[in-house]
């Protein structure tokens, strides 16, 4: 079964930046739409960014213009560059394939905390 491993989270001040990484199989990057999700305490998990195999990207309104999703197929890795971070971006961030979340186990996620 596919294994997803997220990394790159941490504590950052408002206005700061972080880059998250997700190690994922080359097969998934080649054929699946991939995405980054986040789940804040007491809230449902939400999809914040997606990237298609052809490179098309889409973003939730709450992160548009601040976050950038990308992939490096040679490294089997998907990234989420997060700039101008806000306290409301605080959450555990996960990667997965939005159309296949019932087949693919969720990884442990990576904690992002935005606080002064």
C-alpha atoms as a PDB file:
ATOM      1  CA  UNK A   1       0.000   0.000   0.000  1.00  0.00           C
ATOM      2  CA  UNK A   2       1.141   3.536  -0.711  1.00  0.00           C
ATOM      3  CA  UNK A   3       2.907   5.314   2.139  1.00  0.00           C
ATOM      4  CA  UNK A   4       2.687   9.043   2.510  1.00  0.00           C
ATOM      5  CA  UNK A   5       5.161  10.917   4.687  1.00  0.00           C
ATOM      6  CA  UNK A   6       4.850  14.619   5.333  1.00  0.00           C
ATOM      7  CA  UNK A   7       7.577  16.845   6.761  1.00  0.00           C
ATOM      8  CA  UNK A   8       8.658  20.452   7.069  1.00  0.00           C
ATOM      9  CA  UNK A   9       6.244  21.793   9.635  1.00  0.00           C
ATOM     10  CA  UNK A  10       7.205  23.899  12.599  1.00  0.00           C
ATOM     11  CA  UNK A  11       6.619  27.054  14.577  1.00  0.00           C
ATOM     12  CA  UNK A  12       6.748  30.277  12.613  1.00  0.00           C
ATOM     13  CA  UNK A  13       5.783  33.875  13.299  1.00  0.00           C
ATOM     14  CA  UNK A  14       2.931  35.538  11.426  1.00  0.00           C
ATOM     15  CA  UNK A  15       4.154  36.673   8.039  1.00  0.00           C
ATOM     16  CA  UNK A  16       6.761  33.926   7.905  1.00  0.00           C
ATOM     17  CA  UNK A  17       7.227  31.068   5.463  1.00  0.00           C
ATOM     18  CA  UNK A  18       7.522  27.296   5.523  1.00  0.00           C
ATOM     19  CA  UNK A  19       7.913  24.642   2.867  1.00  0.00           C
ATOM     20  CA  UNK A  20       6.232  21.311   3.425  1.00  0.00           C
ATOM     21  CA  UNK A  21       7.306  18.123   1.682  1.00  0.00           C
ATOM     22  CA  UNK A  22       5.442  14.911   0.956  1.00  0.00           C
ATOM     23  CA  UNK A  23       7.265  11.809  -0.243  1.00  0.00           C
ATOM     24  CA  UNK A  24       4.968   9.934  -2.593  1.00  0.00           C
ATOM     25  CA  UNK A  25       5.435   7.252  -5.223  1.00  0.00           C
ATOM     26  CA  UNK A  26       6.296   8.246  -8.761  1.00  0.00           C
ATOM     27  CA  UNK A  27       3.238   6.332  -9.949  1.00  0.00           C
ATOM     28  CA  UNK A  28       0.950   8.505  -7.893  1.00  0.00           C
ATOM     29  CA  UNK A  29       2.558  11.704  -9.144  1.00  0.00           C
ATOM     30  CA  UNK A  30       2.276  10.500 -12.724  1.00  0.00           C
ATOM     31  CA  UNK A  31      -1.399   9.532 -12.687  1.00  0.00           C
ATOM     32  CA  UNK A  32      -3.206  11.020  -9.680  1.00  0.00           C
ATOM     33  CA  UNK A  33      -4.346  14.496  -8.835  1.00  0.00           C
ATOM     34  CA  UNK A  34      -2.477  15.138  -5.569  1.00  0.00           C
ATOM     35  CA  UNK A  35      -3.346  17.550  -2.834  1.00  0.00           C
ATOM     36  CA  UNK A  36      -2.484  19.117   0.477  1.00  0.00           C
ATOM     37  CA  UNK A  37      -5.032  19.098   3.263  1.00  0.00           C
ATOM     38  CA  UNK A  38      -5.065  20.628   6.711  1.00  0.00           C
ATOM     39  CA  UNK A  39      -6.978  20.028   9.892  1.00  0.00           C
ATOM     40  CA  UNK A  40      -7.146  22.597  12.653  1.00  0.00           C
ATOM     41  CA  UNK A  41      -8.179  21.632  16.190  1.00  0.00           C
ATOM     42  CA  UNK A  42     -11.909  21.069  16.383  1.00  0.00           C
ATOM     43  CA  UNK A  43     -12.387  21.452  12.642  1.00  0.00           C
ATOM     44  CA  UNK A  44     -12.864  19.106   9.708  1.00  0.00           C
ATOM     45  CA  UNK A  45      -9.996  18.319   7.398  1.00  0.00           C
ATOM     46  CA  UNK A  46     -10.032  20.665   4.404  1.00  0.00           C
ATOM     47  CA  UNK A  47      -8.368  20.505   1.008  1.00  0.00           C
ATOM     48  CA  UNK A  48      -6.207  23.578   0.434  1.00  0.00           C
ATOM     49  CA  UNK A  49      -4.306  22.899  -2.786  1.00  0.00           C
ATOM     50  CA  UNK A  50      -4.218  20.410  -5.649  1.00  0.00           C
ATOM     51  CA  UNK A  51      -1.885  19.655  -8.532  1.00  0.00           C
ATOM     52  CA  UNK A  52      -2.698  17.503 -11.534  1.00  0.00           C
ATOM     53  CA  UNK A  53      -0.173  15.321 -13.381  1.00  0.00           C
ATOM     54  CA  UNK A  54      -0.181  17.875 -16.209  1.00  0.00           C
ATOM     55  CA  UNK A  55       0.746  20.584 -13.709  1.00  0.00           C
ATOM     56  CA  UNK A  56      -2.591  22.368 -13.328  1.00  0.00           C
ATOM     57  CA  UNK A  57      -3.027  23.725  -9.814  1.00  0.00           C
ATOM     58  CA  UNK A  58      -5.963  24.902  -7.732  1.00  0.00           C
ATOM     59  CA  UNK A  59      -6.227  26.516  -4.328  1.00  0.00           C
ATOM     60  CA  UNK A  60      -8.738  27.204  -1.626  1.00  0.00           C
ATOM     61  CA  UNK A  61      -9.659  30.870  -1.430  1.00  0.00           C
ATOM     62  CA  UNK A  62      -8.153  31.078   2.045  1.00  0.00           C
ATOM     63  CA  UNK A  63      -4.643  30.320   0.751  1.00  0.00           C
ATOM     64  CA  UNK A  64      -4.756  31.625  -2.815  1.00  0.00           C
ATOM     65  CA  UNK A  65      -1.864  33.955  -3.544  1.00  0.00           C
ATOM     66  CA  UNK A  66       0.073  32.785  -0.473  1.00  0.00           C
ATOM     67  CA  UNK A  67       0.574  29.043  -0.977  1.00  0.00           C
ATOM     68  CA  UNK A  68       2.149  27.293  -3.955  1.00  0.00           C
ATOM     69  CA  UNK A  69       1.878  23.561  -4.637  1.00  0.00           C
ATOM     70  CA  UNK A  70       4.459  21.836  -6.804  1.00  0.00           C
ATOM     71  CA  UNK A  71       6.007  18.456  -7.533  1.00  0.00           C
ATOM     72  CA  UNK A  72       9.463  17.139  -8.292  1.00  0.00           C
ATOM     73  CA  UNK A  73       8.860  13.809  -9.981  1.00  0.00           C
ATOM     74  CA  UNK A  74      12.581  12.981 -10.011  1.00  0.00           C
ATOM     75  CA  UNK A  75      12.540  13.150  -6.222  1.00  0.00           C
ATOM     76  CA  UNK A  76       9.092  11.566  -5.784  1.00  0.00           C
ATOM     77  CA  UNK A  77       8.135  14.603  -3.749  1.00  0.00           C
ATOM     78  CA  UNK A  78       5.310  17.095  -3.594  1.00  0.00           C
ATOM     79  CA  UNK A  79       5.784  20.473  -1.934  1.00  0.00           C
ATOM     80  CA  UNK A  80       3.669  23.200  -0.416  1.00  0.00           C
ATOM     81  CA  UNK A  81       5.405  26.556  -0.210  1.00  0.00           C
ATOM     82  CA  UNK A  82       3.560  28.655   2.346  1.00  0.00           C
ATOM     83  CA  UNK A  83       4.237  32.382   2.516  1.00  0.00           C
ATOM     84  CA  UNK A  84       2.655  35.226   4.492  1.00  0.00           C
ATOM     85  CA  UNK A  85       1.487  32.743   7.079  1.00  0.00           C
ATOM     86  CA  UNK A  86      -1.356  33.697   9.397  1.00  0.00           C
ATOM     87  CA  UNK A  87      -2.398  32.304  12.795  1.00  0.00           C
ATOM     88  CA  UNK A  88      -5.442  30.761  11.111  1.00  0.00           C
ATOM     89  CA  UNK A  89      -3.099  28.604   9.015  1.00  0.00           C
ATOM     90  CA  UNK A  90      -2.223  26.695  12.186  1.00  0.00           C
ATOM     91  CA  UNK A  91      -3.125  23.057  11.596  1.00  0.00           C
ATOM     92  CA  UNK A  92      -1.791  19.599  10.928  1.00  0.00           C
ATOM     93  CA  UNK A  93      -1.042  19.356   7.211  1.00  0.00           C
ATOM     94  CA  UNK A  94      -1.478  16.144   5.227  1.00  0.00           C
ATOM     95  CA  UNK A  95      -0.954  15.046   1.649  1.00  0.00           C
ATOM     96  CA  UNK A  96      -3.096  12.598  -0.295  1.00  0.00           C
ATOM     97  CA  UNK A  97      -4.790  11.996  -3.629  1.00  0.00           C
ATOM     98  CA  UNK A  98      -8.225  13.632  -3.352  1.00  0.00           C
ATOM     99  CA  UNK A  99      -9.996  11.082  -5.534  1.00  0.00           C
ATOM    100  CA  UNK A 100      -8.386   8.111  -3.793  1.00  0.00           C
ATOM    101  CA  UNK A 101      -8.424   8.876  -0.072  1.00  0.00           C
ATOM    102  CA  UNK A 102     -10.403   5.732   0.683  1.00  0.00           C
ATOM    103  CA  UNK A 103      -7.689   3.583  -0.895  1.00  0.00           C
ATOM    104  CA  UNK A 104      -4.620   5.417   0.382  1.00  0.00           C
ATOM    105  CA  UNK A 105      -3.791   5.584   4.060  1.00  0.00           C
ATOM    106  CA  UNK A 106      -3.221   8.983   5.537  1.00  0.00           C
ATOM    107  CA  UNK A 107       0.261   9.785   6.734  1.00  0.00           C
ATOM    108  CA  UNK A 108       1.051  11.181  10.174  1.00  0.00           C
ATOM    109  CA  UNK A 109       0.862  14.779   8.957  1.00  0.00           C
ATOM    110  CA  UNK A 110       3.124  17.643   9.924  1.00  0.00           C
ATOM    111  CA  UNK A 111       2.209  20.314  12.468  1.00  0.00           C
ATOM    112  CA  UNK A 112       2.310  23.953  11.405  1.00  0.00           C
ATOM    113  CA  UNK A 113       1.930  26.532  14.156  1.00  0.00           C
ATOM    114  CA  UNK A 114       1.791  30.235  13.339  1.00  0.00           C
ATOM    115  CA  UNK A 115       2.198  32.301  16.456  1.00  0.00           C
ATOM    116  CA  UNK A 116       4.136  35.227  17.806  1.00  0.00           C
END
